[in-house]
Amino acid sequence: MSKIQKLQTKLKEKFEKLLQDYGQEILLNGQPITAIYIKEEENLPIEQFGIVPTSQTTIYLPIDTPITETDKIEIEGKLFKVSKISIHYRVFKIVILEEVDID
């Protein structure tokens, strides 16, 4: 299993646990999210984790830093180079390119 696959699994587990614990709709930048896509590079299959929203309460996604349009994101204490972090049609999407050293 690659580092990215391990990361996908960890994120999926954390994401599902948040939903079990709170049973609430997750908002990101004020937009409700109905699914999360995590994929490694553009040509690989997307990992999709669907969620069922039940309220408007904001809870945090399992990511250590705020989500912004950037080329790096910290997840699980590791820094990853990403090409996209976006919300489109209520779907949160991250495209992970590679792990990078934290400066």
PDB file of N, CA and C in Angstrom:
ATOM      1  N   MET A   1       0.850  -1.194   0.000  1.00  0.00           N
ATOM      2  CA  MET A   1       0.000   0.000   0.000  1.00  0.00           C
ATOM      3  C   MET A   1       0.892   1.253   0.000  1.00  0.00           C
ATOM      4  N   SER A   2       0.604   2.180  -0.920  1.00  0.00           N
ATOM      5  CA  SER A   2       1.423   3.382  -1.037  1.00  0.00           C
ATOM      6  C   SER A   2       1.093   4.370   0.086  1.00  0.00           C
ATOM      7  N   LYS A   3       1.953   5.375   0.247  1.00  0.00           N
ATOM      8  CA  LYS A   3       1.692   6.422   1.236  1.00  0.00           C
ATOM      9  C   LYS A   3       0.348   7.089   0.980  1.00  0.00           C
ATOM     10  N   ILE A   4       0.051   7.325  -0.309  1.00  0.00           N
ATOM     11  CA  ILE A   4      -1.198   7.992  -0.653  1.00  0.00           C
ATOM     12  C   ILE A   4      -2.392   7.107  -0.302  1.00  0.00           C
ATOM     13  N   GLN A   5      -2.284   5.811  -0.577  1.00  0.00           N
ATOM     14  CA  GLN A   5      -3.381   4.903  -0.237  1.00  0.00           C
ATOM     15  C   GLN A   5      -3.608   4.849   1.269  1.00  0.00           C
ATOM     16  N   LYS A   6      -2.508   4.836   2.039  1.00  0.00           N
ATOM     17  CA  LYS A   6      -2.632   4.851   3.490  1.00  0.00           C
ATOM     18  C   LYS A   6      -3.326   6.128   3.948  1.00  0.00           C
ATOM     19  N   LEU A   7      -2.929   7.243   3.324  1.00  0.00           N
ATOM     20  CA  LEU A   7      -3.532   8.529   3.652  1.00  0.00           C
ATOM     21  C   LEU A   7      -5.023   8.519   3.326  1.00  0.00           C
ATOM     22  N   GLN A   8      -5.379   7.976   2.168  1.00  0.00           N
ATOM     23  CA  GLN A   8      -6.788   7.895   1.781  1.00  0.00           C
ATOM     24  C   GLN A   8      -7.575   7.095   2.820  1.00  0.00           C
ATOM     25  N   THR A   9      -6.996   5.970   3.240  1.00  0.00           N
ATOM     26  CA  THR A   9      -7.666   5.131   4.227  1.00  0.00           C
ATOM     27  C   THR A   9      -7.846   5.870   5.546  1.00  0.00           C
ATOM     28  N   LYS A  10      -6.786   6.551   5.998  1.00  0.00           N
ATOM     29  CA  LYS A  10      -6.862   7.310   7.250  1.00  0.00           C
ATOM     30  C   LYS A  10      -7.920   8.400   7.170  1.00  0.00           C
ATOM     31  N   LEU A  11      -7.910   9.135   6.067  1.00  0.00           N
ATOM     32  CA  LEU A  11      -8.882  10.212   5.903  1.00  0.00           C
ATOM     33  C   LEU A  11     -10.299   9.662   5.876  1.00  0.00           C
ATOM     34  N   LYS A  12     -10.482   8.562   5.173  1.00  0.00           N
ATOM     35  CA  LYS A  12     -11.814   7.965   5.095  1.00  0.00           C
ATOM     36  C   LYS A  12     -12.290   7.554   6.492  1.00  0.00           C
ATOM     37  N   GLU A  13     -11.405   6.919   7.270  1.00  0.00           N
ATOM     38  CA  GLU A  13     -11.778   6.487   8.615  1.00  0.00           C
ATOM     39  C   GLU A  13     -12.137   7.681   9.492  1.00  0.00           C
ATOM     40  N   LYS A  14     -11.297   8.727   9.446  1.00  0.00           N
ATOM     41  CA  LYS A  14     -11.563   9.913  10.262  1.00  0.00           C
ATOM     42  C   LYS A  14     -12.860  10.583   9.843  1.00  0.00           C
ATOM     43  N   PHE A  15     -13.055  10.671   8.536  1.00  0.00           N
ATOM     44  CA  PHE A  15     -14.235  11.318   7.980  1.00  0.00           C
ATOM     45  C   PHE A  15     -15.496  10.575   8.432  1.00  0.00           C
ATOM     46  N   GLU A  16     -15.465   9.246   8.315  1.00  0.00           N
ATOM     47  CA  GLU A  16     -16.624   8.446   8.713  1.00  0.00           C
ATOM     48  C   GLU A  16     -16.876   8.528  10.212  1.00  0.00           C
ATOM     49  N   LYS A  17     -15.783   8.584  11.006  1.00  0.00           N
ATOM     50  CA  LYS A  17     -15.943   8.698  12.458  1.00  0.00           C
ATOM     51  C   LYS A  17     -16.592  10.031  12.823  1.00  0.00           C
ATOM     52  N   LEU A  18     -16.164  11.117  12.159  1.00  0.00           N
ATOM     53  CA  LEU A  18     -16.791  12.417  12.408  1.00  0.00           C
ATOM     54  C   LEU A  18     -18.291  12.346  12.145  1.00  0.00           C
ATOM     55  N   LEU A  19     -18.653  11.706  11.070  1.00  0.00           N
ATOM     56  CA  LEU A  19     -20.075  11.623  10.721  1.00  0.00           C
ATOM     57  C   LEU A  19     -20.838  10.790  11.733  1.00  0.00           C
ATOM     58  N   GLN A  20     -20.231   9.694  12.195  1.00  0.00           N
ATOM     59  CA  GLN A  20     -20.875   8.870  13.219  1.00  0.00           C
ATOM     60  C   GLN A  20     -21.016   9.651  14.514  1.00  0.00           C
ATOM     61  N   ASP A  21     -19.937  10.355  14.899  1.00  0.00           N
ATOM     62  CA  ASP A  21     -19.942  11.071  16.172  1.00  0.00           C
ATOM     63  C   ASP A  21     -20.930  12.224  16.183  1.00  0.00           C
ATOM     64  N   TYR A  22     -21.007  12.945  15.059  1.00  0.00           N
ATOM     65  CA  TYR A  22     -21.798  14.165  15.041  1.00  0.00           C
ATOM     66  C   TYR A  22     -23.090  14.048  14.255  1.00  0.00           C
ATOM     67  N   GLY A  23     -23.091  13.194  13.238  1.00  0.00           N
ATOM     68  CA  GLY A  23     -24.274  13.061  12.404  1.00  0.00           C
ATOM     69  C   GLY A  23     -24.720  14.386  11.817  1.00  0.00           C
ATOM     70  N   GLN A  24     -23.779  15.248  11.505  1.00  0.00           N
ATOM     71  CA  GLN A  24     -24.097  16.602  11.072  1.00  0.00           C
ATOM     72  C   GLN A  24     -23.541  16.878   9.690  1.00  0.00           C
ATOM     73  N   GLU A  25     -24.147  17.851   9.052  1.00  0.00           N
ATOM     74  CA  GLU A  25     -23.633  18.281   7.767  1.00  0.00           C
ATOM     75  C   GLU A  25     -22.305  18.985   7.978  1.00  0.00           C
ATOM     76  N   ILE A  26     -21.353  18.718   7.114  1.00  0.00           N
ATOM     77  CA  ILE A  26     -20.045  19.352   7.200  1.00  0.00           C
ATOM     78  C   ILE A  26     -20.030  20.532   6.246  1.00  0.00           C
ATOM     79  N   LEU A  27     -19.640  21.686   6.765  1.00  0.00           N
ATOM     80  CA  LEU A  27     -19.535  22.870   5.925  1.00  0.00           C
ATOM     81  C   LEU A  27     -18.070  23.194   5.714  1.00  0.00           C
ATOM     82  N   LEU A  28     -17.729  23.599   4.513  1.00  0.00           N
ATOM     83  CA  LEU A  28     -16.376  24.043   4.197  1.00  0.00           C
ATOM     84  C   LEU A  28     -16.506  25.371   3.483  1.00  0.00           C
ATOM     85  N   ASN A  29     -15.903  26.410   4.044  1.00  0.00           N
ATOM     86  CA  ASN A  29     -16.069  27.762   3.507  1.00  0.00           C
ATOM     87  C   ASN A  29     -17.542  28.096   3.315  1.00  0.00           C
ATOM     88  N   GLY A  30     -18.369  27.649   4.254  1.00  0.00           N
ATOM     89  CA  GLY A  30     -19.786  27.968   4.211  1.00  0.00           C
ATOM     90  C   GLY A  30     -20.609  27.102   3.273  1.00  0.00           C
ATOM     91  N   GLN A  31     -19.951  26.208   2.535  1.00  0.00           N
ATOM     92  CA  GLN A  31     -20.672  25.356   1.586  1.00  0.00           C
ATOM     93  C   GLN A  31     -20.835  23.954   2.168  1.00  0.00           C
ATOM     94  N   PRO A  32     -22.045  23.413   2.124  1.00  0.00           N
ATOM     95  CA  PRO A  32     -22.222  22.040   2.610  1.00  0.00           C
ATOM     96  C   PRO A  32     -21.563  21.040   1.668  1.00  0.00           C
ATOM     97  N   ILE A  33     -21.023  19.975   2.242  1.00  0.00           N
ATOM     98  CA  ILE A  33     -20.319  18.963   1.467  1.00  0.00           C
ATOM     99  C   ILE A  33     -21.127  17.672   1.516  1.00  0.00           C
ATOM    100  N   THR A  34     -21.347  17.057   0.373  1.00  0.00           N
ATOM    101  CA  THR A  34     -22.078  15.796   0.359  1.00  0.00           C
ATOM    102  C   THR A  34     -21.191  14.603   0.042  1.00  0.00           C
ATOM    103  N   ALA A  35     -19.964  14.867  -0.409  1.00  0.00           N
ATOM    104  CA  ALA A  35     -19.027  13.774  -0.667  1.00  0.00           C
ATOM    105  C   ALA A  35     -17.620  14.327  -0.622  1.00  0.00           C
ATOM    106  N   ILE A  36     -16.655  13.466  -0.398  1.00  0.00           N
ATOM    107  CA  ILE A  36     -15.255  13.880  -0.435  1.00  0.00           C
ATOM    108  C   ILE A  36     -14.539  13.007  -1.451  1.00  0.00           C
ATOM    109  N   TYR A  37     -13.790  13.638  -2.334  1.00  0.00           N
ATOM    110  CA  TYR A  37     -12.981  12.913  -3.312  1.00  0.00           C
ATOM    111  C   TYR A  37     -11.519  13.109  -2.937  1.00  0.00           C
ATOM    112  N   ILE A  38     -10.770  12.021  -2.900  1.00  0.00           N
ATOM    113  CA  ILE A  38      -9.331  12.122  -2.700  1.00  0.00           C
ATOM    114  C   ILE A  38      -8.692  11.282  -3.788  1.00  0.00           C
ATOM    115  N   LYS A  39      -7.822  11.881  -4.582  1.00  0.00           N
ATOM    116  CA  LYS A  39      -7.185  11.084  -5.614  1.00  0.00           C
ATOM    117  C   LYS A  39      -5.736  11.463  -5.766  1.00  0.00           C
ATOM    118  N   GLU A  40      -4.989  10.555  -6.341  1.00  0.00           N
ATOM    119  CA  GLU A  40      -3.553  10.737  -6.527  1.00  0.00           C
ATOM    120  C   GLU A  40      -3.311  10.986  -8.008  1.00  0.00           C
ATOM    121  N   GLU A  41      -2.954  12.200  -8.345  1.00  0.00           N
ATOM    122  CA  GLU A  41      -2.709  12.606  -9.724  1.00  0.00           C
ATOM    123  C   GLU A  41      -3.969  12.515 -10.575  1.00  0.00           C
ATOM    124  N   GLU A  42      -3.950  13.220 -11.679  1.00  0.00           N
ATOM    125  CA  GLU A  42      -5.158  13.403 -12.472  1.00  0.00           C
ATOM    126  C   GLU A  42      -5.693  12.140 -13.137  1.00  0.00           C
ATOM    127  N   ASN A  43      -4.805  11.201 -13.497  1.00  0.00           N
ATOM    128  CA  ASN A  43      -5.269  10.084 -14.308  1.00  0.00           C
ATOM    129  C   ASN A  43      -5.677   8.857 -13.491  1.00  0.00           C
ATOM    130  N   LEU A  44      -5.639   8.947 -12.170  1.00  0.00           N
ATOM    131  CA  LEU A  44      -5.967   7.789 -11.353  1.00  0.00           C
ATOM    132  C   LEU A  44      -7.429   7.837 -10.912  1.00  0.00           C
ATOM    133  N   PRO A  45      -7.977   6.701 -10.543  1.00  0.00           N
ATOM    134  CA  PRO A  45      -9.376   6.675 -10.114  1.00  0.00           C
ATOM    135  C   PRO A  45      -9.585   7.506  -8.851  1.00  0.00           C
ATOM    136  N   ILE A  46     -10.773   8.027  -8.715  1.00  0.00           N
ATOM    137  CA  ILE A  46     -11.115   8.847  -7.552  1.00  0.00           C
ATOM    138  C   ILE A  46     -11.616   7.938  -6.433  1.00  0.00           C
ATOM    139  N   GLU A  47     -11.169   8.240  -5.217  1.00  0.00           N
ATOM    140  CA  GLU A  47     -11.741   7.591  -4.040  1.00  0.00           C
ATOM    141  C   GLU A  47     -12.879   8.490  -3.568  1.00  0.00           C
ATOM    142  N   GLN A  48     -14.079   7.968  -3.514  1.00  0.00           N
ATOM    143  CA  GLN A  48     -15.213   8.800  -3.093  1.00  0.00           C
ATOM    144  C   GLN A  48     -15.766   8.300  -1.771  1.00  0.00           C
ATOM    145  N   PHE A  49     -15.982   9.220  -0.856  1.00  0.00           N
ATOM    146  CA  PHE A  49     -16.570   8.885   0.427  1.00  0.00           C
ATOM    147  C   PHE A  49     -17.830   9.733   0.576  1.00  0.00           C
ATOM    148  N   GLY A  50     -18.972   9.136   0.447  1.00  0.00           N
ATOM    149  CA  GLY A  50     -20.217   9.894   0.530  1.00  0.00           C
ATOM    150  C   GLY A  50     -20.632  10.130   1.973  1.00  0.00           C
ATOM    151  N   ILE A  51     -21.378  11.202   2.208  1.00  0.00           N
ATOM    152  CA  ILE A  51     -21.905  11.483   3.534  1.00  0.00           C
ATOM    153  C   ILE A  51     -23.373  11.863   3.419  1.00  0.00           C
ATOM    154  N   VAL A  52     -24.104  11.700   4.507  1.00  0.00           N
ATOM    155  CA  VAL A  52     -25.517  12.072   4.525  1.00  0.00           C
ATOM    156  C   VAL A  52     -25.692  13.222   5.510  1.00  0.00           C
ATOM    157  N   PRO A  53     -25.945  14.432   5.011  1.00  0.00           N
ATOM    158  CA  PRO A  53     -26.087  15.573   5.902  1.00  0.00           C
ATOM    159  C   PRO A  53     -27.411  15.555   6.668  1.00  0.00           C
ATOM    160  N   THR A  54     -27.381  15.952   7.950  1.00  0.00           N
ATOM    161  CA  THR A  54     -28.617  15.992   8.735  1.00  0.00           C
ATOM    162  C   THR A  54     -28.847  17.333   9.422  1.00  0.00           C
ATOM    163  N   SER A  55     -27.841  18.219   9.446  1.00  0.00           N
ATOM    164  CA  SER A  55     -28.053  19.528  10.061  1.00  0.00           C
ATOM    165  C   SER A  55     -27.101  20.527   9.438  1.00  0.00           C
ATOM    166  N   GLN A  56     -27.179  21.768   9.868  1.00  0.00           N
ATOM    167  CA  GLN A  56     -26.330  22.815   9.301  1.00  0.00           C
ATOM    168  C   GLN A  56     -25.128  23.137  10.188  1.00  0.00           C
ATOM    169  N   THR A  57     -24.879  22.318  11.206  1.00  0.00           N
ATOM    170  CA  THR A  57     -23.779  22.619  12.114  1.00  0.00           C
ATOM    171  C   THR A  57     -22.433  22.371  11.447  1.00  0.00           C
ATOM    172  N   THR A  58     -21.498  23.296  11.645  1.00  0.00           N
ATOM    173  CA  THR A  58     -20.164  23.134  11.065  1.00  0.00           C
ATOM    174  C   THR A  58     -19.314  22.230  11.942  1.00  0.00           C
ATOM    175  N   ILE A  59     -18.708  21.214  11.337  1.00  0.00           N
ATOM    176  CA  ILE A  59     -17.650  20.469  12.021  1.00  0.00           C
ATOM    177  C   ILE A  59     -16.452  20.457  11.097  1.00  0.00           C
ATOM    178  N   TYR A  60     -15.292  20.155  11.651  1.00  0.00           N
ATOM    179  CA  TYR A  60     -14.076  20.260  10.867  1.00  0.00           C
ATOM    180  C   TYR A  60     -13.759  18.974  10.134  1.00  0.00           C
ATOM    181  N   LEU A  61     -13.291  19.128   8.918  1.00  0.00           N
ATOM    182  CA  LEU A  61     -12.781  17.984   8.185  1.00  0.00           C
ATOM    183  C   LEU A  61     -11.499  17.492   8.845  1.00  0.00           C
ATOM    184  N   PRO A  62     -11.122  16.223   8.633  1.00  0.00           N
ATOM    185  CA  PRO A  62      -9.936  15.679   9.284  1.00  0.00           C
ATOM    186  C   PRO A  62      -8.640  16.126   8.610  1.00  0.00           C
ATOM    187  N   ILE A  63      -8.443  17.414   8.600  1.00  0.00           N
ATOM    188  CA  ILE A  63      -7.255  17.989   7.983  1.00  0.00           C
ATOM    189  C   ILE A  63      -6.719  19.037   8.957  1.00  0.00           C
ATOM    190  N   ASP A  64      -5.399  19.082   9.122  1.00  0.00           N
ATOM    191  CA  ASP A  64      -4.822  19.875  10.204  1.00  0.00           C
ATOM    192  C   ASP A  64      -4.779  21.373   9.944  1.00  0.00           C
ATOM    193  N   THR A  65      -4.875  21.795   8.692  1.00  0.00           N
ATOM    194  CA  THR A  65      -4.759  23.216   8.401  1.00  0.00           C
ATOM    195  C   THR A  65      -5.984  23.682   7.633  1.00  0.00           C
ATOM    196  N   PRO A  66      -6.279  24.981   7.664  1.00  0.00           N
ATOM    197  CA  PRO A  66      -7.443  25.470   6.935  1.00  0.00           C
ATOM    198  C   PRO A  66      -7.296  25.189   5.435  1.00  0.00           C
ATOM    199  N   ILE A  67      -8.410  24.991   4.780  1.00  0.00           N
ATOM    200  CA  ILE A  67      -8.398  24.712   3.350  1.00  0.00           C
ATOM    201  C   ILE A  67      -8.368  26.020   2.584  1.00  0.00           C
ATOM    202  N   THR A  68      -7.346  26.189   1.776  1.00  0.00           N
ATOM    203  CA  THR A  68      -7.277  27.368   0.918  1.00  0.00           C
ATOM    204  C   THR A  68      -6.786  26.909  -0.446  1.00  0.00           C
ATOM    205  N   GLU A  69      -6.867  27.777  -1.422  1.00  0.00           N
ATOM    206  CA  GLU A  69      -6.318  27.429  -2.733  1.00  0.00           C
ATOM    207  C   GLU A  69      -4.796  27.530  -2.629  1.00  0.00           C
ATOM    208  N   THR A  70      -4.158  26.429  -2.444  1.00  0.00           N
ATOM    209  CA  THR A  70      -2.716  26.408  -2.240  1.00  0.00           C
ATOM    210  C   THR A  70      -2.143  25.170  -2.910  1.00  0.00           C
ATOM    211  N   ASP A  71      -0.834  25.128  -3.019  1.00  0.00           N
ATOM    212  CA  ASP A  71      -0.258  23.933  -3.638  1.00  0.00           C
ATOM    213  C   ASP A  71       0.266  22.941  -2.612  1.00  0.00           C
ATOM    214  N   LYS A  72       0.102  23.241  -1.320  1.00  0.00           N
ATOM    215  CA  LYS A  72       0.526  22.295  -0.291  1.00  0.00           C
ATOM    216  C   LYS A  72      -0.530  22.240   0.798  1.00  0.00           C
ATOM    217  N   ILE A  73      -0.687  21.083   1.390  1.00  0.00           N
ATOM    218  CA  ILE A  73      -1.642  20.928   2.483  1.00  0.00           C
ATOM    219  C   ILE A  73      -1.059  19.958   3.507  1.00  0.00           C
ATOM    220  N   GLU A  74      -1.309  20.224   4.766  1.00  0.00           N
ATOM    221  CA  GLU A  74      -0.812  19.335   5.817  1.00  0.00           C
ATOM    222  C   GLU A  74      -1.928  18.398   6.243  1.00  0.00           C
ATOM    223  N   ILE A  75      -1.637  17.115   6.199  1.00  0.00           N
ATOM    224  CA  ILE A  75      -2.597  16.101   6.616  1.00  0.00           C
ATOM    225  C   ILE A  75      -1.858  15.103   7.489  1.00  0.00           C
ATOM    226  N   GLU A  76      -2.410  14.838   8.667  1.00  0.00           N
ATOM    227  CA  GLU A  76      -1.784  13.876   9.576  1.00  0.00           C
ATOM    228  C   GLU A  76      -0.340  14.252   9.891  1.00  0.00           C
ATOM    229  N   GLY A  77      -0.054  15.548   9.974  1.00  0.00           N
ATOM    230  CA  GLY A  77       1.284  15.998  10.316  1.00  0.00           C
ATOM    231  C   GLY A  77       2.295  15.883   9.196  1.00  0.00           C
ATOM    232  N   LYS A  78       1.856  15.520   7.994  1.00  0.00           N
ATOM    233  CA  LYS A  78       2.750  15.443   6.841  1.00  0.00           C
ATOM    234  C   LYS A  78       2.293  16.445   5.794  1.00  0.00           C
ATOM    235  N   LEU A  79       3.253  16.960   5.043  1.00  0.00           N
ATOM    236  CA  LEU A  79       2.942  17.957   4.032  1.00  0.00           C
ATOM    237  C   LEU A  79       2.845  17.277   2.672  1.00  0.00           C
ATOM    238  N   PHE A  80       1.768  17.580   1.952  1.00  0.00           N
ATOM    239  CA  PHE A  80       1.566  17.002   0.625  1.00  0.00           C
ATOM    240  C   PHE A  80       1.406  18.107  -0.400  1.00  0.00           C
ATOM    241  N   LYS A  81       2.001  17.887  -1.559  1.00  0.00           N
ATOM    242  CA  LYS A  81       1.824  18.799  -2.673  1.00  0.00           C
ATOM    243  C   LYS A  81       0.521  18.407  -3.370  1.00  0.00           C
ATOM    244  N   VAL A  82      -0.337  19.385  -3.592  1.00  0.00           N
ATOM    245  CA  VAL A  82      -1.624  19.092  -4.218  1.00  0.00           C
ATOM    246  C   VAL A  82      -1.840  20.005  -5.407  1.00  0.00           C
ATOM    247  N   SER A  83      -2.661  19.556  -6.338  1.00  0.00           N
ATOM    248  CA  SER A  83      -2.934  20.404  -7.488  1.00  0.00           C
ATOM    249  C   SER A  83      -4.303  21.055  -7.386  1.00  0.00           C
ATOM    250  N   LYS A  84      -5.210  20.463  -6.622  1.00  0.00           N
ATOM    251  CA  LYS A  84      -6.541  21.033  -6.509  1.00  0.00           C
ATOM    252  C   LYS A  84      -7.095  20.814  -5.122  1.00  0.00           C
ATOM    253  N   ILE A  85      -7.684  21.847  -4.575  1.00  0.00           N
ATOM    254  CA  ILE A  85      -8.527  21.700  -3.393  1.00  0.00           C
ATOM    255  C   ILE A  85      -9.752  22.514  -3.743  1.00  0.00           C
ATOM    256  N   SER A  86     -10.864  21.870  -3.955  1.00  0.00           N
ATOM    257  CA  SER A  86     -12.005  22.631  -4.445  1.00  0.00           C
ATOM    258  C   SER A  86     -13.322  22.048  -3.957  1.00  0.00           C
ATOM    259  N   ILE A  87     -14.347  22.865  -4.041  1.00  0.00           N
ATOM    260  CA  ILE A  87     -15.702  22.412  -3.793  1.00  0.00           C
ATOM    261  C   ILE A  87     -16.465  22.672  -5.082  1.00  0.00           C
ATOM    262  N   HIS A  88     -17.092  21.636  -5.601  1.00  0.00           N
ATOM    263  CA  HIS A  88     -17.850  21.783  -6.836  1.00  0.00           C
ATOM    264  C   HIS A  88     -19.104  20.924  -6.715  1.00  0.00           C
ATOM    265  N   TYR A  89     -20.241  21.524  -6.863  1.00  0.00           N
ATOM    266  CA  TYR A  89     -21.509  20.815  -6.688  1.00  0.00           C
ATOM    267  C   TYR A  89     -21.535  20.039  -5.373  1.00  0.00           C
ATOM    268  N   ARG A  90     -21.213  20.744  -4.291  1.00  0.00           N
ATOM    269  CA  ARG A  90     -21.267  20.173  -2.934  1.00  0.00           C
ATOM    270  C   ARG A  90     -20.323  18.986  -2.741  1.00  0.00           C
ATOM    271  N   VAL A  91     -19.270  18.926  -3.533  1.00  0.00           N
ATOM    272  CA  VAL A  91     -18.270  17.868  -3.382  1.00  0.00           C
ATOM    273  C   VAL A  91     -16.918  18.503  -3.089  1.00  0.00           C
ATOM    274  N   PHE A  92     -16.259  18.019  -2.059  1.00  0.00           N
ATOM    275  CA  PHE A  92     -14.933  18.491  -1.665  1.00  0.00           C
ATOM    276  C   PHE A  92     -13.912  17.585  -2.339  1.00  0.00           C
ATOM    277  N   LYS A  93     -12.955  18.185  -3.015  1.00  0.00           N
ATOM    278  CA  LYS A  93     -12.011  17.391  -3.808  1.00  0.00           C
ATOM    279  C   LYS A  93     -10.574  17.813  -3.519  1.00  0.00           C
ATOM    280  N   ILE A  94      -9.709  16.840  -3.284  1.00  0.00           N
ATOM    281  CA  ILE A  94      -8.273  17.086  -3.147  1.00  0.00           C
ATOM    282  C   ILE A  94      -7.573  16.191  -4.165  1.00  0.00           C
ATOM    283  N   VAL A  95      -6.652  16.745  -4.917  1.00  0.00           N
ATOM    284  CA  VAL A  95      -5.804  15.923  -5.785  1.00  0.00           C
ATOM    285  C   VAL A  95      -4.385  15.978  -5.215  1.00  0.00           C
ATOM    286  N   ILE A  96      -3.905  14.853  -4.739  1.00  0.00           N
ATOM    287  CA  ILE A  96      -2.603  14.789  -4.079  1.00  0.00           C
ATOM    288  C   ILE A  96      -1.546  14.332  -5.078  1.00  0.00           C
ATOM    289  N   LEU A  97      -0.488  15.100  -5.196  1.00  0.00           N
ATOM    290  CA  LEU A  97       0.579  14.751  -6.137  1.00  0.00           C
ATOM    291  C   LEU A  97       1.693  13.962  -5.458  1.00  0.00           C
ATOM    292  N   GLU A  98       2.187  14.472  -4.331  1.00  0.00           N
ATOM    293  CA  GLU A  98       3.309  13.791  -3.665  1.00  0.00           C
ATOM    294  C   GLU A  98       3.496  14.360  -2.273  1.00  0.00           C
ATOM    295  N   GLU A  99       4.194  13.598  -1.445  1.00  0.00           N
ATOM    296  CA  GLU A  99       4.548  14.088  -0.119  1.00  0.00           C
ATOM    297  C   GLU A  99       5.810  14.937  -0.241  1.00  0.00           C
ATOM    298  N   VAL A 100       5.841  16.035   0.486  1.00  0.00           N
ATOM    299  CA  VAL A 100       7.007  16.917   0.432  1.00  0.00           C
ATOM    300  C   VAL A 100       7.543  17.126   1.845  1.00  0.00           C
ATOM    301  N   ASP A 101       8.790  17.567   1.936  1.00  0.00           N
ATOM    302  CA  ASP A 101       9.387  17.841   3.241  1.00  0.00           C
ATOM    303  C   ASP A 101       8.817  19.129   3.801  1.00  0.00           C
ATOM    304  N   ILE A 102       8.581  19.137   5.118  1.00  0.00           N
ATOM    305  CA  ILE A 102       8.120  20.357   5.765  1.00  0.00           C
ATOM    306  C   ILE A 102       9.332  21.260   5.964  1.00  0.00           C
ATOM    307  N   ASP A 103       9.224  22.477   5.465  1.00  0.00           N
ATOM    308  CA  ASP A 103      10.354  23.423   5.541  1.00  0.00           C
ATOM    309  C   ASP A 103      10.612  23.849   6.973  1.00  0.00           C
TER     310      ASP A 103
END
